[in-house]
C-alpha atoms as a PDB file:
ATOM      1  CA  MET A   1    -140.484  45.285  91.902  1.00  0.00           C
ATOM      2  CA  PRO A   2    -139.230  41.903  90.628  1.00  0.00           C
ATOM      3  CA  GLY A   3    -136.872  41.978  87.628  1.00  0.00           C
ATOM      4  CA  TYR A   4    -139.219  40.079  85.316  1.00  0.00           C
ATOM      5  CA  MET A   5    -141.978  42.645  85.913  1.00  0.00           C
ATOM      6  CA  LYS A   6    -139.656  45.475  84.938  1.00  0.00           C
ATOM      7  CA  THR A   7    -138.807  43.740  81.655  1.00  0.00           C
ATOM      8  CA  GLN A   8    -142.460  43.229  80.840  1.00  0.00           C
ATOM      9  CA  ILE A   9    -143.264  46.864  81.591  1.00  0.00           C
ATOM     10  CA  ASP A  10    -140.280  48.050  79.530  1.00  0.00           C
ATOM     11  CA  GLU A  11    -141.521  46.052  76.526  1.00  0.00           C
ATOM     12  CA  LEU A  12    -144.995  47.501  77.008  1.00  0.00           C
ATOM     13  CA  LEU A  13    -143.618  51.043  77.012  1.00  0.00           C
ATOM     14  CA  ARG A  14    -141.671  50.537  73.742  1.00  0.00           C
ATOM     15  CA  PRO A  15    -144.307  49.673  71.125  1.00  0.00           C
ATOM     16  CA  LYS A  16    -142.985  48.467  67.799  1.00  0.00           C
ATOM     17  CA  LEU A  17    -144.510  50.386  64.913  1.00  0.00           C
ATOM     18  CA  PRO A  18    -143.723  49.576  61.304  1.00  0.00           C
ATOM     19  CA  TRP A  19    -141.281  52.335  60.391  1.00  0.00           C
ATOM     20  CA  ASP A  20    -142.146  52.143  56.704  1.00  0.00           C
ATOM     21  CA  LEU A  21    -145.736  53.068  57.620  1.00  0.00           C
ATOM     22  CA  LEU A  22    -144.454  56.059  59.618  1.00  0.00           C
ATOM     23  CA  VAL A  23    -142.454  57.184  56.570  1.00  0.00           C
ATOM     24  CA  LYS A  24    -145.490  56.815  54.305  1.00  0.00           C
ATOM     25  CA  ASN A  25    -147.607  58.849  56.758  1.00  0.00           C
ATOM     26  CA  TRP A  26    -144.964  61.586  56.853  1.00  0.00           C
ATOM     27  CA  LEU A  27    -144.730  61.682  53.051  1.00  0.00           C
ATOM     28  CA  SER A  28    -148.520  61.897  52.797  1.00  0.00           C
ATOM     29  CA  GLU A  29    -148.529  64.751  55.296  1.00  0.00           C
ATOM     30  CA  VAL A  30    -145.786  66.630  53.422  1.00  0.00           C
ATOM     31  CA  SER A  31    -147.505  66.130  50.073  1.00  0.00           C
ATOM     32  CA  ARG A  32    -150.752  67.553  51.478  1.00  0.00           C
ATOM     33  CA  ASN A  33    -148.949  70.719  52.616  1.00  0.00           C
ATOM     34  CA  GLU A  34    -148.776  71.862  49.008  1.00  0.00           C
ATOM     35  CA  TYR A  35    -151.459  74.272  47.807  1.00  0.00           C
ATOM     36  CA  SER A  36    -152.929  74.045  44.341  1.00  0.00           C
ATOM     37  CA  TRP A  37    -154.642  76.809  42.396  1.00  0.00           C
ATOM     38  CA  LYS A  38    -155.779  74.403  39.691  1.00  0.00           C
ATOM     39  CA  LYS A  39    -159.130  73.473  41.241  1.00  0.00           C
ATOM     40  CA  PRO A  40    -161.288  76.206  42.848  1.00  0.00           C
ATOM     41  CA  SER A  41    -162.716  75.665  46.303  1.00  0.00           C
ATOM     42  CA  ARG A  42    -166.427  74.729  46.126  1.00  0.00           C
ATOM     43  CA  ARG A  43    -167.203  76.330  49.485  1.00  0.00           C
ATOM     44  CA  PHE A  44    -166.516  79.871  48.271  1.00  0.00           C
ATOM     45  CA  HIS A  45    -168.303  80.824  45.056  1.00  0.00           C
ATOM     46  CA  ASP A  46    -167.248  84.482  45.053  1.00  0.00           C
ATOM     47  CA  VAL A  47    -163.619  83.983  46.066  1.00  0.00           C
ATOM     48  CA  TYR A  48    -160.968  81.942  44.284  1.00  0.00           C
ATOM     49  CA  LEU A  49    -158.880  80.169  46.981  1.00  0.00           C
ATOM     50  CA  PRO A  50    -156.266  77.417  46.711  1.00  0.00           C
ATOM     51  CA  SER A  51    -157.036  73.870  47.791  1.00  0.00           C
ATOM     52  CA  LEU A  52    -154.798  71.914  50.163  1.00  0.00           C
ATOM     53  CA  GLY A  53    -153.284  68.707  48.832  1.00  0.00           C
ATOM     54  CA  GLY A  54    -154.371  69.224  45.275  1.00  0.00           C
ATOM     55  CA  GLU A  55    -153.001  67.469  42.244  1.00  0.00           C
ATOM     56  CA  GLU A  56    -149.519  68.883  42.755  1.00  0.00           C
ATOM     57  CA  GLY A  57    -148.453  66.530  45.571  1.00  0.00           C
ATOM     58  CA  LEU A  58    -144.702  66.278  46.111  1.00  0.00           C
ATOM     59  CA  GLU A  59    -142.985  68.616  43.689  1.00  0.00           C
ATOM     60  CA  HIS A  60    -139.368  67.693  44.496  1.00  0.00           C
ATOM     61  CA  LEU A  61    -138.317  65.123  47.078  1.00  0.00           C
ATOM     62  CA  VAL A  62    -134.646  64.664  48.031  1.00  0.00           C
ATOM     63  CA  TRP A  63    -133.357  61.449  49.594  1.00  0.00           C
ATOM     64  CA  CYS A  64    -129.963  61.664  51.301  1.00  0.00           C
ATOM     65  CA  ILE A  65    -128.417  58.231  51.793  1.00  0.00           C
ATOM     66  CA  ASP A  66    -125.515  57.741  54.181  1.00  0.00           C
ATOM     67  CA  SER A  67    -122.951  55.396  52.595  1.00  0.00           C
ATOM     68  CA  SER A  68    -120.397  55.693  55.395  1.00  0.00           C
ATOM     69  CA  ARG A  69    -118.498  52.780  56.890  1.00  0.00           C
ATOM     70  CA  SER A  70    -120.974  52.457  59.806  1.00  0.00           C
ATOM     71  CA  VAL A  71    -123.887  51.692  57.440  1.00  0.00           C
ATOM     72  CA  THR A  72    -124.054  48.050  56.307  1.00  0.00           C
ATOM     73  CA  ASP A  73    -124.733  46.798  52.774  1.00  0.00           C
ATOM     74  CA  GLU A  74    -127.999  45.324  54.070  1.00  0.00           C
ATOM     75  CA  GLN A  75    -129.065  48.747  55.357  1.00  0.00           C
ATOM     76  CA  LEU A  76    -128.141  50.386  52.028  1.00  0.00           C
ATOM     77  CA  THR A  77    -130.248  47.820  50.191  1.00  0.00           C
ATOM     78  CA  ARG A  78    -133.155  48.522  52.541  1.00  0.00           C
ATOM     79  CA  PHE A  79    -132.777  52.282  52.026  1.00  0.00           C
ATOM     80  CA  ASN A  80    -132.843  51.784  48.262  1.00  0.00           C
ATOM     81  CA  SER A  81    -135.984  49.627  48.418  1.00  0.00           C
ATOM     82  CA  GLU A  82    -137.772  52.245  50.545  1.00  0.00           C
ATOM     83  CA  VAL A  83    -136.878  54.992  48.064  1.00  0.00           C
ATOM     84  CA  LYS A  84    -138.238  52.877  45.202  1.00  0.00           C
ATOM     85  CA  ALA A  85    -141.440  52.156  47.133  1.00  0.00           C
ATOM     86  CA  ALA A  86    -141.955  55.868  47.820  1.00  0.00           C
ATOM     87  CA  LYS A  87    -141.350  56.704  44.145  1.00  0.00           C
ATOM     88  CA  ASP A  88    -143.881  54.074  43.091  1.00  0.00           C
ATOM     89  CA  LEU A  89    -146.453  55.245  45.647  1.00  0.00           C
ATOM     90  CA  TYR A  90    -146.089  59.055  45.478  1.00  0.00           C
ATOM     91  CA  ASN A  91    -144.307  59.489  42.129  1.00  0.00           C
ATOM     92  CA  PRO A  92    -142.986  62.994  42.837  1.00  0.00           C
ATOM     93  CA  LYS A  93    -142.536  65.206  39.786  1.00  0.00           C
ATOM     94  CA  ARG A  94    -138.834  65.319  40.554  1.00  0.00           C
ATOM     95  CA  MET A  95    -136.751  63.154  42.869  1.00  0.00           C
ATOM     96  CA  THR A  96    -133.082  63.469  43.729  1.00  0.00           C
ATOM     97  CA  ILE A  97    -130.966  60.908  45.554  1.00  0.00           C
ATOM     98  CA  ILE A  98    -127.803  62.220  47.192  1.00  0.00           C
ATOM     99  CA  VAL A  99    -125.337  59.554  48.347  1.00  0.00           C
ATOM    100  CA  PHE A 100    -122.811  60.835  50.896  1.00  0.00           C
ATOM    101  CA  ASP A 101    -120.298  59.968  53.587  1.00  0.00           C
ATOM    102  CA  THR A 102    -117.989  62.902  54.519  1.00  0.00           C
ATOM    103  CA  ALA A 103    -118.787  64.455  51.116  1.00  0.00           C
ATOM    104  CA  VAL A 104    -121.377  64.026  48.392  1.00  0.00           C
ATOM    105  CA  ARG A 105    -120.341  60.951  46.382  1.00  0.00           C
ATOM    106  CA  ASP A 106    -123.191  60.434  43.883  1.00  0.00           C
ATOM    107  CA  VAL A 107    -126.284  62.366  42.791  1.00  0.00           C
ATOM    108  CA  TYR A 108    -129.129  60.739  40.866  1.00  0.00           C
ATOM    109  CA  GLU A 109    -131.990  62.716  39.316  1.00  0.00           C
ATOM    110  CA  PHE A 110    -135.365  61.232  38.409  1.00  0.00           C
ATOM    111  CA  THR A 111    -138.555  62.695  37.006  1.00  0.00           C
ATOM    112  CA  ASP A 112    -141.994  61.135  37.407  1.00  0.00           C
ATOM    113  CA  ASP A 113    -141.551  59.362  34.023  1.00  0.00           C
ATOM    114  CA  ASP A 114    -138.103  57.859  34.702  1.00  0.00           C
ATOM    115  CA  ASP A 115    -137.428  54.240  35.540  1.00  0.00           C
ATOM    116  CA  PHE A 116    -135.866  53.784  38.970  1.00  0.00           C
ATOM    117  CA  SER A 117    -132.823  51.564  38.427  1.00  0.00           C
ATOM    118  CA  GLY A 118    -129.071  51.550  37.982  1.00  0.00           C
ATOM    119  CA  LEU A 119    -128.015  52.983  41.324  1.00  0.00           C
ATOM    120  CA  SER A 120    -124.627  52.266  42.833  1.00  0.00           C
ATOM    121  CA  PHE A 121    -123.367  53.675  46.102  1.00  0.00           C
ATOM    122  CA  THR A 122    -119.804  54.824  46.716  1.00  0.00           C
ATOM    123  CA  GLY A 123    -118.282  56.091  49.910  1.00  0.00           C
ATOM    124  CA  ARG A 124    -117.425  54.161  53.079  1.00  0.00           C
ATOM    125  CA  GLY A 125    -115.639  57.007  54.866  1.00  0.00           C
ATOM    126  CA  GLY A 126    -116.875  58.809  57.982  1.00  0.00           C
ATOM    127  CA  THR A 127    -120.204  60.648  58.269  1.00  0.00           C
ATOM    128  CA  ASN A 128    -120.925  64.347  57.738  1.00  0.00           C
ATOM    129  CA  MET A 129    -124.503  65.270  56.782  1.00  0.00           C
ATOM    130  CA  GLN A 130    -123.829  68.953  56.103  1.00  0.00           C
ATOM    131  CA  PRO A 131    -122.495  68.512  52.516  1.00  0.00           C
ATOM    132  CA  ALA A 132    -125.623  66.488  51.645  1.00  0.00           C
ATOM    133  CA  PHE A 133    -127.908  69.177  53.100  1.00  0.00           C
ATOM    134  CA  ASP A 134    -125.948  71.910  51.285  1.00  0.00           C
ATOM    135  CA  ALA A 135    -126.267  70.052  47.956  1.00  0.00           C
ATOM    136  CA  ALA A 136    -129.980  69.483  48.581  1.00  0.00           C
ATOM    137  CA  MET A 137    -130.715  73.130  49.344  1.00  0.00           C
ATOM    138  CA  LYS A 138    -129.066  74.243  46.085  1.00  0.00           C
ATOM    139  CA  ILE A 139    -131.786  72.387  44.150  1.00  0.00           C
ATOM    140  CA  HIS A 140    -134.744  73.694  46.227  1.00  0.00           C
ATOM    141  CA  PRO A 141    -136.588  70.533  47.352  1.00  0.00           C
ATOM    142  CA  THR A 142    -140.060  70.296  48.874  1.00  0.00           C
ATOM    143  CA  ALA A 143    -138.744  67.956  51.591  1.00  0.00           C
ATOM    144  CA  ILE A 144    -135.694  65.889  52.563  1.00  0.00           C
ATOM    145  CA  VAL A 145    -135.566  62.293  53.805  1.00  0.00           C
ATOM    146  CA  MET A 146    -132.227  61.413  55.428  1.00  0.00           C
ATOM    147  CA  PHE A 147    -131.273  57.722  55.810  1.00  0.00           C
ATOM    148  CA  SER A 148    -128.412  57.397  58.289  1.00  0.00           C
ATOM    149  CA  ASP A 149    -127.309  56.059  61.636  1.00  0.00           C
ATOM    150  CA  ASN A 150    -127.061  59.737  62.718  1.00  0.00           C
ATOM    151  CA  GLY A 151    -123.575  59.098  64.084  1.00  0.00           C
ATOM    152  CA  CYS A 152    -122.285  62.604  63.390  1.00  0.00           C
ATOM    153  CA  ALA A 153    -122.553  66.255  64.382  1.00  0.00           C
ATOM    154  CA  GLU A 154    -125.932  67.900  63.900  1.00  0.00           C
ATOM    155  CA  PRO A 155    -126.278  69.628  60.511  1.00  0.00           C
ATOM    156  CA  LYS A 156    -127.817  73.091  60.125  1.00  0.00           C
ATOM    157  CA  ASN A 157    -131.607  73.202  59.920  1.00  0.00           C
ATOM    158  CA  PRO A 158    -132.489  73.740  56.239  1.00  0.00           C
ATOM    159  CA  GLY A 159    -135.877  75.266  57.087  1.00  0.00           C
ATOM    160  CA  ILE A 160    -137.932  72.708  55.134  1.00  0.00           C
ATOM    161  CA  PRO A 161    -139.536  69.416  56.263  1.00  0.00           C
ATOM    162  CA  VAL A 162    -136.868  66.824  57.120  1.00  0.00           C
ATOM    163  CA  LEU A 163    -137.387  63.201  58.090  1.00  0.00           C
ATOM    164  CA  PHE A 164    -134.432  61.393  59.647  1.00  0.00           C
ATOM    165  CA  ILE A 165    -134.639  57.617  59.355  1.00  0.00           C
ATOM    166  CA  CYS A 166    -132.117  56.639  62.002  1.00  0.00           C
ATOM    167  CA  VAL A 167    -130.850  53.055  61.826  1.00  0.00           C
ATOM    168  CA  ASP A 168    -129.600  51.111  64.864  1.00  0.00           C
ATOM    169  CA  ASN A 169    -128.923  54.206  66.986  1.00  0.00           C
ATOM    170  CA  PRO A 170    -131.690  54.754  69.576  1.00  0.00           C
ATOM    171  CA  GLY A 171    -130.112  58.016  70.763  1.00  0.00           C
ATOM    172  CA  GLY A 172    -129.584  59.478  67.289  1.00  0.00           C
ATOM    173  CA  ALA A 173    -131.958  62.435  67.111  1.00  0.00           C
ATOM    174  CA  PHE A 174    -131.475  66.074  66.169  1.00  0.00           C
ATOM    175  CA  SER A 175    -133.146  69.278  67.346  1.00  0.00           C
ATOM    176  CA  PHE A 176    -135.118  69.741  64.105  1.00  0.00           C
ATOM    177  CA  GLY A 177    -137.129  67.558  61.771  1.00  0.00           C
ATOM    178  CA  LYS A 178    -138.817  64.316  62.664  1.00  0.00           C
ATOM    179  CA  THR A 179    -136.845  61.175  63.541  1.00  0.00           C
ATOM    180  CA  VAL A 180    -137.991  57.603  63.005  1.00  0.00           C
ATOM    181  CA  HIS A 181    -135.792  54.993  64.675  1.00  0.00           C
ATOM    182  CA  VAL A 182    -135.257  51.681  62.926  1.00  0.00           C
ATOM    183  CA  THR A 183    -133.627  48.536  64.283  1.00  0.00           C
ATOM    184  CA  THR A 184    -132.319  46.054  61.754  1.00  0.00           C
END
């Protein structure tokens, strides 16, 4: 096969999807996995059953943001804007942002009424996701979104929904959670 044909086929086999849309779809899916007892099911008059995706939505969403040396300032700014967009769109009752490199550097807590501003990121060391996952699991989140280049050892599976947004590392995937690859 001629070389130019191979390039055209390769481009055809790698569709470009807007990663922010994939994140929004995942967040919608996670928020609908919550059951609510507030509104009875209309299909069953004699039995009181919970409804899926009721008013509760996302109870507690944790964002882990990699601030290691391999992540650029531009990528950190993009991560921050995506977190703000998700807060504006889904407005979880509680949201925690954990900034990490080899250790947890900053933790920000927000409720659904708080203004999202005043964040600063410290770090710039290596990358180790495990301290961020450990800190997240101590506060019992509904789900975790991890922004990173995934250039580290695989952390332990926390047993809750995890979305890895992997920047500029096409091979950066782990054995659990869902991974969305982003090229900047």
